[in-house]
Amino acid sequence: MFLVVFRNRKRAGIDYAAYQADAERMVELARLQPGYLSFKSYVAEDGEVIALSEWADEASARAWGRVAEHAVVQSRGRAAYYESYTLFACANPRIHAFSHEDQA
């Protein structure tokens, strides 16, 4: 598995309708990519967003980064939406899991 963590803060006064439309399209498009596993996004009380995407492998995640429509929206994000962001990517993250159901 390859994990991508995208931490970001939006600029004040952005066009949230345009941002939401772009975000929804990117999730829709990502789901169609080979190696896509999952995507979830969380917003902290202070407005910071953490978006997590899981891919089968690094090649799949990097291929997603090269999809032309994705590249256009990434550029628009830097120009119009994001105050700042940091992207973390790691292959084969150490995973610890717990499920109460497994204990029964």
PDB file of N, CA and C in Angstrom:
ATOM      1  N   MET A   1       0.836  -1.178   0.000  1.00  0.00           N
ATOM      2  CA  MET A   1       0.000   0.000   0.000  1.00  0.00           C
ATOM      3  C   MET A   1       0.881   1.242   0.000  1.00  0.00           C
ATOM      4  N   PHE A   2       0.407   2.296  -0.641  1.00  0.00           N
ATOM      5  CA  PHE A   2       1.087   3.584  -0.676  1.00  0.00           C
ATOM      6  C   PHE A   2       0.116   4.624  -0.142  1.00  0.00           C
ATOM      7  N   LEU A   3       0.541   5.378   0.842  1.00  0.00           N
ATOM      8  CA  LEU A   3      -0.316   6.350   1.521  1.00  0.00           C
ATOM      9  C   LEU A   3       0.108   7.764   1.174  1.00  0.00           C
ATOM     10  N   VAL A   4      -0.869   8.608   0.838  1.00  0.00           N
ATOM     11  CA  VAL A   4      -0.616  10.025   0.584  1.00  0.00           C
ATOM     12  C   VAL A   4      -1.464  10.826   1.559  1.00  0.00           C
ATOM     13  N   VAL A   5      -0.812  11.716   2.302  1.00  0.00           N
ATOM     14  CA  VAL A   5      -1.489  12.597   3.254  1.00  0.00           C
ATOM     15  C   VAL A   5      -1.303  14.023   2.745  1.00  0.00           C
ATOM     16  N   PHE A   6      -2.405  14.723   2.545  1.00  0.00           N
ATOM     17  CA  PHE A   6      -2.392  16.085   2.024  1.00  0.00           C
ATOM     18  C   PHE A   6      -2.979  17.008   3.084  1.00  0.00           C
ATOM     19  N   ARG A   7      -2.086  17.753   3.770  1.00  0.00           N
ATOM     20  CA  ARG A   7      -2.533  18.740   4.777  1.00  0.00           C
ATOM     21  C   ARG A   7      -2.627  20.081   4.080  1.00  0.00           C
ATOM     22  N   ASN A   8      -3.737  20.791   4.299  1.00  0.00           N
ATOM     23  CA  ASN A   8      -3.870  22.084   3.633  1.00  0.00           C
ATOM     24  C   ASN A   8      -4.713  23.064   4.418  1.00  0.00           C
ATOM     25  N   ARG A   9      -4.505  24.323   4.091  1.00  0.00           N
ATOM     26  CA  ARG A   9      -5.320  25.424   4.594  1.00  0.00           C
ATOM     27  C   ARG A   9      -5.783  26.235   3.400  1.00  0.00           C
ATOM     28  N   LYS A  10      -7.065  26.566   3.396  1.00  0.00           N
ATOM     29  CA  LYS A  10      -7.631  27.360   2.313  1.00  0.00           C
ATOM     30  C   LYS A  10      -7.381  28.849   2.568  1.00  0.00           C
ATOM     31  N   ARG A  11      -7.361  29.622   1.499  1.00  0.00           N
ATOM     32  CA  ARG A  11      -7.281  31.076   1.593  1.00  0.00           C
ATOM     33  C   ARG A  11      -8.625  31.624   2.059  1.00  0.00           C
ATOM     34  N   ALA A  12      -8.598  32.760   2.693  1.00  0.00           N
ATOM     35  CA  ALA A  12      -9.842  33.442   3.061  1.00  0.00           C
ATOM     36  C   ALA A  12     -10.528  33.915   1.782  1.00  0.00           C
ATOM     37  N   GLY A  13     -11.831  33.789   1.740  1.00  0.00           N
ATOM     38  CA  GLY A  13     -12.612  34.337   0.649  1.00  0.00           C
ATOM     39  C   GLY A  13     -12.565  33.581  -0.669  1.00  0.00           C
ATOM     40  N   ILE A  14     -12.168  32.309  -0.645  1.00  0.00           N
ATOM     41  CA  ILE A  14     -12.143  31.561  -1.915  1.00  0.00           C
ATOM     42  C   ILE A  14     -13.563  31.277  -2.382  1.00  0.00           C
ATOM     43  N   ASP A  15     -13.687  30.934  -3.633  1.00  0.00           N
ATOM     44  CA  ASP A  15     -14.965  30.536  -4.208  1.00  0.00           C
ATOM     45  C   ASP A  15     -15.205  29.080  -3.794  1.00  0.00           C
ATOM     46  N   TYR A  16     -15.925  28.886  -2.674  1.00  0.00           N
ATOM     47  CA  TYR A  16     -16.115  27.536  -2.149  1.00  0.00           C
ATOM     48  C   TYR A  16     -16.940  26.652  -3.081  1.00  0.00           C
ATOM     49  N   ALA A  17     -17.852  27.229  -3.836  1.00  0.00           N
ATOM     50  CA  ALA A  17     -18.631  26.413  -4.775  1.00  0.00           C
ATOM     51  C   ALA A  17     -17.709  25.852  -5.857  1.00  0.00           C
ATOM     52  N   ALA A  18     -16.808  26.672  -6.377  1.00  0.00           N
ATOM     53  CA  ALA A  18     -15.859  26.207  -7.393  1.00  0.00           C
ATOM     54  C   ALA A  18     -14.912  25.181  -6.792  1.00  0.00           C
ATOM     55  N   TYR A  19     -14.433  25.443  -5.574  1.00  0.00           N
ATOM     56  CA  TYR A  19     -13.536  24.494  -4.911  1.00  0.00           C
ATOM     57  C   TYR A  19     -14.235  23.146  -4.726  1.00  0.00           C
ATOM     58  N   GLN A  20     -15.455  23.171  -4.224  1.00  0.00           N
ATOM     59  CA  GLN A  20     -16.196  21.930  -3.981  1.00  0.00           C
ATOM     60  C   GLN A  20     -16.424  21.157  -5.274  1.00  0.00           C
ATOM     61  N   ALA A  21     -16.752  21.858  -6.334  1.00  0.00           N
ATOM     62  CA  ALA A  21     -16.949  21.190  -7.630  1.00  0.00           C
ATOM     63  C   ALA A  21     -15.650  20.533  -8.091  1.00  0.00           C
ATOM     64  N   ASP A  22     -14.533  21.249  -7.950  1.00  0.00           N
ATOM     65  CA  ASP A  22     -13.242  20.663  -8.329  1.00  0.00           C
ATOM     66  C   ASP A  22     -12.912  19.462  -7.450  1.00  0.00           C
ATOM     67  N   ALA A  23     -13.138  19.585  -6.157  1.00  0.00           N
ATOM     68  CA  ALA A  23     -12.817  18.496  -5.227  1.00  0.00           C
ATOM     69  C   ALA A  23     -13.644  17.250  -5.538  1.00  0.00           C
ATOM     70  N   GLU A  24     -14.926  17.426  -5.773  1.00  0.00           N
ATOM     71  CA  GLU A  24     -15.793  16.288  -6.093  1.00  0.00           C
ATOM     72  C   GLU A  24     -15.365  15.624  -7.401  1.00  0.00           C
ATOM     73  N   ARG A  25     -14.988  16.418  -8.384  1.00  0.00           N
ATOM     74  CA  ARG A  25     -14.542  15.847  -9.661  1.00  0.00           C
ATOM     75  C   ARG A  25     -13.245  15.069  -9.484  1.00  0.00           C
ATOM     76  N   MET A  26     -12.335  15.590  -8.653  1.00  0.00           N
ATOM     77  CA  MET A  26     -11.067  14.902  -8.444  1.00  0.00           C
ATOM     78  C   MET A  26     -11.273  13.554  -7.752  1.00  0.00           C
ATOM     79  N   VAL A  27     -12.175  13.487  -6.789  1.00  0.00           N
ATOM     80  CA  VAL A  27     -12.466  12.211  -6.128  1.00  0.00           C
ATOM     81  C   VAL A  27     -13.075  11.238  -7.138  1.00  0.00           C
ATOM     82  N   GLU A  28     -14.001  11.738  -7.936  1.00  0.00           N
ATOM     83  CA  GLU A  28     -14.630  10.898  -8.970  1.00  0.00           C
ATOM     84  C   GLU A  28     -13.584  10.364  -9.948  1.00  0.00           C
ATOM     85  N   LEU A  29     -12.681  11.220 -10.385  1.00  0.00           N
ATOM     86  CA  LEU A  29     -11.644  10.830 -11.332  1.00  0.00           C
ATOM     87  C   LEU A  29     -10.620   9.888 -10.691  1.00  0.00           C
ATOM     88  N   ALA A  30     -10.236  10.173  -9.453  1.00  0.00           N
ATOM     89  CA  ALA A  30      -9.264   9.315  -8.756  1.00  0.00           C
ATOM     90  C   ALA A  30      -9.790   7.895  -8.631  1.00  0.00           C
ATOM     91  N   ARG A  31     -11.069   7.752  -8.327  1.00  0.00           N
ATOM     92  CA  ARG A  31     -11.670   6.417  -8.169  1.00  0.00           C
ATOM     93  C   ARG A  31     -11.553   5.571  -9.430  1.00  0.00           C
ATOM     94  N   LEU A  32     -11.412   6.212 -10.568  1.00  0.00           N
ATOM     95  CA  LEU A  32     -11.307   5.493 -11.839  1.00  0.00           C
ATOM     96  C   LEU A  32      -9.880   5.069 -12.159  1.00  0.00           C
ATOM     97  N   GLN A  33      -8.916   5.535 -11.379  1.00  0.00           N
ATOM     98  CA  GLN A  33      -7.508   5.270 -11.675  1.00  0.00           C
ATOM     99  C   GLN A  33      -7.094   3.873 -11.218  1.00  0.00           C
ATOM    100  N   PRO A  34      -6.281   3.196 -12.007  1.00  0.00           N
ATOM    101  CA  PRO A  34      -5.744   1.900 -11.574  1.00  0.00           C
ATOM    102  C   PRO A  34      -4.960   2.067 -10.268  1.00  0.00           C
ATOM    103  N   GLY A  35      -5.188   1.171  -9.329  1.00  0.00           N
ATOM    104  CA  GLY A  35      -4.475   1.196  -8.064  1.00  0.00           C
ATOM    105  C   GLY A  35      -5.111   2.034  -6.981  1.00  0.00           C
ATOM    106  N   TYR A  36      -6.186   2.759  -7.295  1.00  0.00           N
ATOM    107  CA  TYR A  36      -6.888   3.554  -6.277  1.00  0.00           C
ATOM    108  C   TYR A  36      -7.516   2.624  -5.246  1.00  0.00           C
ATOM    109  N   LEU A  37      -7.349   2.939  -3.964  1.00  0.00           N
ATOM    110  CA  LEU A  37      -7.969   2.143  -2.911  1.00  0.00           C
ATOM    111  C   LEU A  37      -9.010   2.929  -2.118  1.00  0.00           C
ATOM    112  N   SER A  38      -8.671   4.145  -1.673  1.00  0.00           N
ATOM    113  CA  SER A  38      -9.633   4.900  -0.881  1.00  0.00           C
ATOM    114  C   SER A  38      -9.227   6.362  -0.772  1.00  0.00           C
ATOM    115  N   PHE A  39     -10.203   7.189  -0.375  1.00  0.00           N
ATOM    116  CA  PHE A  39      -9.959   8.605  -0.113  1.00  0.00           C
ATOM    117  C   PHE A  39     -10.905   9.048   0.987  1.00  0.00           C
ATOM    118  N   LYS A  40     -10.372   9.799   1.956  1.00  0.00           N
ATOM    119  CA  LYS A  40     -11.181  10.420   2.998  1.00  0.00           C
ATOM    120  C   LYS A  40     -10.560  11.761   3.330  1.00  0.00           C
ATOM    121  N   SER A  41     -11.400  12.681   3.769  1.00  0.00           N
ATOM    122  CA  SER A  41     -10.938  14.019   4.109  1.00  0.00           C
ATOM    123  C   SER A  41     -11.570  14.441   5.428  1.00  0.00           C
ATOM    124  N   TYR A  42     -10.779  15.124   6.262  1.00  0.00           N
ATOM    125  CA  TYR A  42     -11.225  15.559   7.584  1.00  0.00           C
ATOM    126  C   TYR A  42     -10.863  17.016   7.784  1.00  0.00           C
ATOM    127  N   VAL A  43     -11.747  17.763   8.442  1.00  0.00           N
ATOM    128  CA  VAL A  43     -11.491  19.170   8.718  1.00  0.00           C
ATOM    129  C   VAL A  43     -11.363  19.366  10.224  1.00  0.00           C
ATOM    130  N   ALA A  44     -10.264  19.979  10.642  1.00  0.00           N
ATOM    131  CA  ALA A  44     -10.032  20.269  12.055  1.00  0.00           C
ATOM    132  C   ALA A  44     -10.794  21.536  12.457  1.00  0.00           C
ATOM    133  N   GLU A  45     -10.942  21.736  13.752  1.00  0.00           N
ATOM    134  CA  GLU A  45     -11.651  22.909  14.259  1.00  0.00           C
ATOM    135  C   GLU A  45     -11.022  24.214  13.787  1.00  0.00           C
ATOM    136  N   ASP A  46      -9.715  24.213  13.596  1.00  0.00           N
ATOM    137  CA  ASP A  46      -9.027  25.437  13.161  1.00  0.00           C
ATOM    138  C   ASP A  46      -9.035  25.620  11.646  1.00  0.00           C
ATOM    139  N   GLY A  47      -9.723  24.745  10.923  1.00  0.00           N
ATOM    140  CA  GLY A  47      -9.854  24.877   9.478  1.00  0.00           C
ATOM    141  C   GLY A  47      -8.856  24.086   8.659  1.00  0.00           C
ATOM    142  N   GLU A  48      -7.836  23.530   9.302  1.00  0.00           N
ATOM    143  CA  GLU A  48      -6.893  22.717   8.544  1.00  0.00           C
ATOM    144  C   GLU A  48      -7.592  21.459   8.051  1.00  0.00           C
ATOM    145  N   VAL A  49      -7.249  21.037   6.837  1.00  0.00           N
ATOM    146  CA  VAL A  49      -7.834  19.841   6.235  1.00  0.00           C
ATOM    147  C   VAL A  49      -6.751  18.784   6.103  1.00  0.00           C
ATOM    148  N   ILE A  50      -7.113  17.551   6.442  1.00  0.00           N
ATOM    149  CA  ILE A  50      -6.248  16.402   6.226  1.00  0.00           C
ATOM    150  C   ILE A  50      -6.986  15.492   5.248  1.00  0.00           C
ATOM    151  N   ALA A  51      -6.381  15.246   4.100  1.00  0.00           N
ATOM    152  CA  ALA A  51      -6.956  14.347   3.112  1.00  0.00           C
ATOM    153  C   ALA A  51      -6.025  13.142   2.981  1.00  0.00           C
ATOM    154  N   LEU A  52      -6.600  11.956   3.083  1.00  0.00           N
ATOM    155  CA  LEU A  52      -5.832  10.712   3.011  1.00  0.00           C
ATOM    156  C   LEU A  52      -6.254   9.932   1.779  1.00  0.00           C
ATOM    157  N   SER A  53      -5.279   9.569   0.964  1.00  0.00           N
ATOM    158  CA  SER A  53      -5.599   8.673  -0.147  1.00  0.00           C
ATOM    159  C   SER A  53      -4.680   7.468  -0.079  1.00  0.00           C
ATOM    160  N   GLU A  54      -5.249   6.309  -0.353  1.00  0.00           N
ATOM    161  CA  GLU A  54      -4.517   5.042  -0.329  1.00  0.00           C
ATOM    162  C   GLU A  54      -4.486   4.488  -1.747  1.00  0.00           C
ATOM    163  N   TRP A  55      -3.301   4.007  -2.115  1.00  0.00           N
ATOM    164  CA  TRP A  55      -3.066   3.468  -3.452  1.00  0.00           C
ATOM    165  C   TRP A  55      -2.423   2.098  -3.324  1.00  0.00           C
ATOM    166  N   ALA A  56      -2.576   1.290  -4.327  1.00  0.00           N
ATOM    167  CA  ALA A  56      -2.001  -0.059  -4.307  1.00  0.00           C
ATOM    168  C   ALA A  56      -0.479  -0.005  -4.210  1.00  0.00           C
ATOM    169  N   ASP A  57       0.114   1.011  -4.857  1.00  0.00           N
ATOM    170  CA  ASP A  57       1.578   1.125  -4.865  1.00  0.00           C
ATOM    171  C   ASP A  57       1.973   2.547  -5.264  1.00  0.00           C
ATOM    172  N   GLU A  58       3.247   2.830  -5.155  1.00  0.00           N
ATOM    173  CA  GLU A  58       3.746   4.171  -5.465  1.00  0.00           C
ATOM    174  C   GLU A  58       3.510   4.532  -6.933  1.00  0.00           C
ATOM    175  N   ALA A  59       3.692   3.588  -7.818  1.00  0.00           N
ATOM    176  CA  ALA A  59       3.496   3.862  -9.249  1.00  0.00           C
ATOM    177  C   ALA A  59       2.071   4.344  -9.525  1.00  0.00           C
ATOM    178  N   SER A  60       1.096   3.748  -8.867  1.00  0.00           N
ATOM    179  CA  SER A  60      -0.300   4.156  -9.048  1.00  0.00           C
ATOM    180  C   SER A  60      -0.523   5.581  -8.554  1.00  0.00           C
ATOM    181  N   ALA A  61       0.020   5.897  -7.384  1.00  0.00           N
ATOM    182  CA  ALA A  61      -0.127   7.245  -6.828  1.00  0.00           C
ATOM    183  C   ALA A  61       0.551   8.277  -7.720  1.00  0.00           C
ATOM    184  N   ARG A  62       1.738   7.960  -8.209  1.00  0.00           N
ATOM    185  CA  ARG A  62       2.461   8.897  -9.082  1.00  0.00           C
ATOM    186  C   ARG A  62       1.740   9.060 -10.427  1.00  0.00           C
ATOM    187  N   ALA A  63       1.147   7.992 -10.927  1.00  0.00           N
ATOM    188  CA  ALA A  63       0.384   8.085 -12.177  1.00  0.00           C
ATOM    189  C   ALA A  63      -0.807   9.022 -12.001  1.00  0.00           C
ATOM    190  N   TRP A  64      -1.455   8.962 -10.848  1.00  0.00           N
ATOM    191  CA  TRP A  64      -2.568   9.869 -10.555  1.00  0.00           C
ATOM    192  C   TRP A  64      -2.083  11.316 -10.600  1.00  0.00           C
ATOM    193  N   GLY A  65      -0.904  11.566 -10.090  1.00  0.00           N
ATOM    194  CA  GLY A  65      -0.346  12.913 -10.112  1.00  0.00           C
ATOM    195  C   GLY A  65      -0.090  13.431 -11.518  1.00  0.00           C
ATOM    196  N   ARG A  66       0.015  12.535 -12.488  1.00  0.00           N
ATOM    197  CA  ARG A  66       0.285  12.935 -13.874  1.00  0.00           C
ATOM    198  C   ARG A  66      -0.978  13.002 -14.750  1.00  0.00           C
ATOM    199  N   VAL A  67      -2.138  12.673 -14.198  1.00  0.00           N
ATOM    200  CA  VAL A  67      -3.378  12.763 -14.977  1.00  0.00           C
ATOM    201  C   VAL A  67      -3.605  14.240 -15.331  1.00  0.00           C
ATOM    202  N   ALA A  68      -3.805  14.519 -16.618  1.00  0.00           N
ATOM    203  CA  ALA A  68      -3.861  15.900 -17.105  1.00  0.00           C
ATOM    204  C   ALA A  68      -4.900  16.747 -16.377  1.00  0.00           C
ATOM    205  N   GLU A  69      -6.111  16.247 -16.210  1.00  0.00           N
ATOM    206  CA  GLU A  69      -7.160  17.028 -15.545  1.00  0.00           C
ATOM    207  C   GLU A  69      -6.790  17.296 -14.091  1.00  0.00           C
ATOM    208  N   HIS A  70      -6.163  16.325 -13.448  1.00  0.00           N
ATOM    209  CA  HIS A  70      -5.709  16.498 -12.066  1.00  0.00           C
ATOM    210  C   HIS A  70      -4.650  17.597 -12.005  1.00  0.00           C
ATOM    211  N   ALA A  71      -3.720  17.598 -12.948  1.00  0.00           N
ATOM    212  CA  ALA A  71      -2.666  18.612 -12.972  1.00  0.00           C
ATOM    213  C   ALA A  71      -3.244  20.017 -13.132  1.00  0.00           C
ATOM    214  N   VAL A  72      -4.270  20.164 -13.958  1.00  0.00           N
ATOM    215  CA  VAL A  72      -4.921  21.463 -14.148  1.00  0.00           C
ATOM    216  C   VAL A  72      -5.534  21.942 -12.839  1.00  0.00           C
ATOM    217  N   VAL A  73      -6.220  21.045 -12.128  1.00  0.00           N
ATOM    218  CA  VAL A  73      -6.871  21.422 -10.872  1.00  0.00           C
ATOM    219  C   VAL A  73      -5.831  21.682  -9.780  1.00  0.00           C
ATOM    220  N   GLN A  74      -4.719  20.938  -9.791  1.00  0.00           N
ATOM    221  CA  GLN A  74      -3.645  21.227  -8.839  1.00  0.00           C
ATOM    222  C   GLN A  74      -3.133  22.652  -9.036  1.00  0.00           C
ATOM    223  N   SER A  75      -2.935  23.041 -10.266  1.00  0.00           N
ATOM    224  CA  SER A  75      -2.468  24.394 -10.567  1.00  0.00           C
ATOM    225  C   SER A  75      -3.487  25.437 -10.112  1.00  0.00           C
ATOM    226  N   ARG A  76      -4.765  25.176 -10.359  1.00  0.00           N
ATOM    227  CA  ARG A  76      -5.814  26.087  -9.918  1.00  0.00           C
ATOM    228  C   ARG A  76      -5.839  26.177  -8.391  1.00  0.00           C
ATOM    229  N   GLY A  77      -5.592  25.055  -7.722  1.00  0.00           N
ATOM    230  CA  GLY A  77      -5.550  25.066  -6.256  1.00  0.00           C
ATOM    231  C   GLY A  77      -4.463  25.994  -5.734  1.00  0.00           C
ATOM    232  N   ARG A  78      -3.276  25.926  -6.323  1.00  0.00           N
ATOM    233  CA  ARG A  78      -2.184  26.810  -5.901  1.00  0.00           C
ATOM    234  C   ARG A  78      -2.508  28.271  -6.207  1.00  0.00           C
ATOM    235  N   ALA A  79      -3.161  28.520  -7.345  1.00  0.00           N
ATOM    236  CA  ALA A  79      -3.455  29.889  -7.763  1.00  0.00           C
ATOM    237  C   ALA A  79      -4.638  30.506  -7.020  1.00  0.00           C
ATOM    238  N   ALA A  80      -5.637  29.686  -6.663  1.00  0.00           N
ATOM    239  CA  ALA A  80      -6.890  30.262  -6.180  1.00  0.00           C
ATOM    240  C   ALA A  80      -7.413  29.748  -4.849  1.00  0.00           C
ATOM    241  N   TYR A  81      -7.004  28.556  -4.405  1.00  0.00           N
ATOM    242  CA  TYR A  81      -7.652  27.961  -3.237  1.00  0.00           C
ATOM    243  C   TYR A  81      -6.770  27.873  -1.997  1.00  0.00           C
ATOM    244  N   TYR A  82      -5.545  27.454  -2.132  1.00  0.00           N
ATOM    245  CA  TYR A  82      -4.740  27.104  -0.965  1.00  0.00           C
ATOM    246  C   TYR A  82      -3.873  28.240  -0.455  1.00  0.00           C
ATOM    247  N   GLU A  83      -3.937  28.417   0.836  1.00  0.00           N
ATOM    248  CA  GLU A  83      -2.991  29.304   1.529  1.00  0.00           C
ATOM    249  C   GLU A  83      -1.651  28.578   1.663  1.00  0.00           C
ATOM    250  N   SER A  84      -1.752  27.303   2.035  1.00  0.00           N
ATOM    251  CA  SER A  84      -0.553  26.475   2.173  1.00  0.00           C
ATOM    252  C   SER A  84      -0.959  25.012   2.138  1.00  0.00           C
ATOM    253  N   TYR A  85       0.024  24.160   1.817  1.00  0.00           N
ATOM    254  CA  TYR A  85      -0.210  22.720   1.917  1.00  0.00           C
ATOM    255  C   TYR A  85       1.110  21.995   2.066  1.00  0.00           C
ATOM    256  N   THR A  86       1.007  20.792   2.608  1.00  0.00           N
ATOM    257  CA  THR A  86       2.134  19.873   2.716  1.00  0.00           C
ATOM    258  C   THR A  86       1.631  18.504   2.310  1.00  0.00           C
ATOM    259  N   LEU A  87       2.400  17.828   1.478  1.00  0.00           N
ATOM    260  CA  LEU A  87       2.041  16.487   1.037  1.00  0.00           C
ATOM    261  C   LEU A  87       3.066  15.511   1.602  1.00  0.00           C
ATOM    262  N   PHE A  88       2.574  14.474   2.243  1.00  0.00           N
ATOM    263  CA  PHE A  88       3.408  13.400   2.776  1.00  0.00           C
ATOM    264  C   PHE A  88       3.073  12.140   1.990  1.00  0.00           C
ATOM    265  N   ALA A  89       4.073  11.382   1.601  1.00  0.00           N
ATOM    266  CA  ALA A  89       3.833  10.144   0.861  1.00  0.00           C
ATOM    267  C   ALA A  89       4.762   9.066   1.394  1.00  0.00           C
ATOM    268  N   CYS A  90       4.213   7.873   1.600  1.00  0.00           N
ATOM    269  CA  CYS A  90       5.070   6.802   2.100  1.00  0.00           C
ATOM    270  C   CYS A  90       4.590   5.448   1.570  1.00  0.00           C
ATOM    271  N   ALA A  91       5.565   4.624   1.280  1.00  0.00           N
ATOM    272  CA  ALA A  91       5.292   3.266   0.821  1.00  0.00           C
ATOM    273  C   ALA A  91       5.277   2.331   2.021  1.00  0.00           C
ATOM    274  N   ASN A  92       4.397   1.372   1.980  1.00  0.00           N
ATOM    275  CA  ASN A  92       4.320   0.339   3.011  1.00  0.00           C
ATOM    276  C   ASN A  92       4.368   0.902   4.425  1.00  0.00           C
ATOM    277  N   PRO A  93       3.420   1.787   4.764  1.00  0.00           N
ATOM    278  CA  PRO A  93       3.422   2.324   6.121  1.00  0.00           C
ATOM    279  C   PRO A  93       3.192   1.210   7.136  1.00  0.00           C
ATOM    280  N   ARG A  94       3.777   1.379   8.292  1.00  0.00           N
ATOM    281  CA  ARG A  94       3.536   0.397   9.352  1.00  0.00           C
ATOM    282  C   ARG A  94       2.096   0.589   9.796  1.00  0.00           C
ATOM    283  N   ILE A  95       1.354  -0.498   9.847  1.00  0.00           N
ATOM    284  CA  ILE A  95      -0.076  -0.431  10.158  1.00  0.00           C
ATOM    285  C   ILE A  95      -0.368  -1.276  11.382  1.00  0.00           C
ATOM    286  N   HIS A  96      -1.039  -0.666  12.344  1.00  0.00           N
ATOM    287  CA  HIS A  96      -1.543  -1.380  13.517  1.00  0.00           C
ATOM    288  C   HIS A  96      -3.054  -1.253  13.472  1.00  0.00           C
ATOM    289  N   ALA A  97      -3.749  -2.329  13.651  1.00  0.00           N
ATOM    290  CA  ALA A  97      -5.212  -2.288  13.566  1.00  0.00           C
ATOM    291  C   ALA A  97      -5.811  -2.963  14.797  1.00  0.00           C
ATOM    292  N   PHE A  98      -6.990  -2.498  15.188  1.00  0.00           N
ATOM    293  CA  PHE A  98      -7.751  -3.087  16.272  1.00  0.00           C
ATOM    294  C   PHE A  98      -9.208  -3.085  15.875  1.00  0.00           C
ATOM    295  N   SER A  99      -9.901  -4.134  16.186  1.00  0.00           N
ATOM    296  CA  SER A  99     -11.341  -4.200  15.978  1.00  0.00           C
ATOM    297  C   SER A  99     -11.936  -4.932  17.179  1.00  0.00           C
ATOM    298  N   HIS A 100     -12.873  -4.287  17.830  1.00  0.00           N
ATOM    299  CA  HIS A 100     -13.524  -4.913  18.981  1.00  0.00           C
ATOM    300  C   HIS A 100     -14.172  -6.235  18.568  1.00  0.00           C
ATOM    301  N   GLU A 101     -14.691  -6.295  17.361  1.00  0.00           N
ATOM    302  CA  GLU A 101     -15.325  -7.519  16.882  1.00  0.00           C
ATOM    303  C   GLU A 101     -14.356  -8.688  16.829  1.00  0.00           C
ATOM    304  N   ASP A 102     -13.076  -8.403  16.560  1.00  0.00           N
ATOM    305  CA  ASP A 102     -12.072  -9.472  16.519  1.00  0.00           C
ATOM    306  C   ASP A 102     -11.807 -10.056  17.897  1.00  0.00           C
ATOM    307  N   GLN A 103     -12.176  -9.353  18.932  1.00  0.00           N
ATOM    308  CA  GLN A 103     -11.908  -9.785  20.295  1.00  0.00           C
ATOM    309  C   GLN A 103     -13.011 -10.683  20.847  1.00  0.00           C
ATOM    310  N   ALA A 104     -14.133 -10.732  20.167  1.00  0.00           N
ATOM    311  CA  ALA A 104     -15.289 -11.506  20.666  1.00  0.00           C
ATOM    312  C   ALA A 104     -15.113 -12.998  20.456  1.00  0.00           C
TER     313      ALA A 104
END
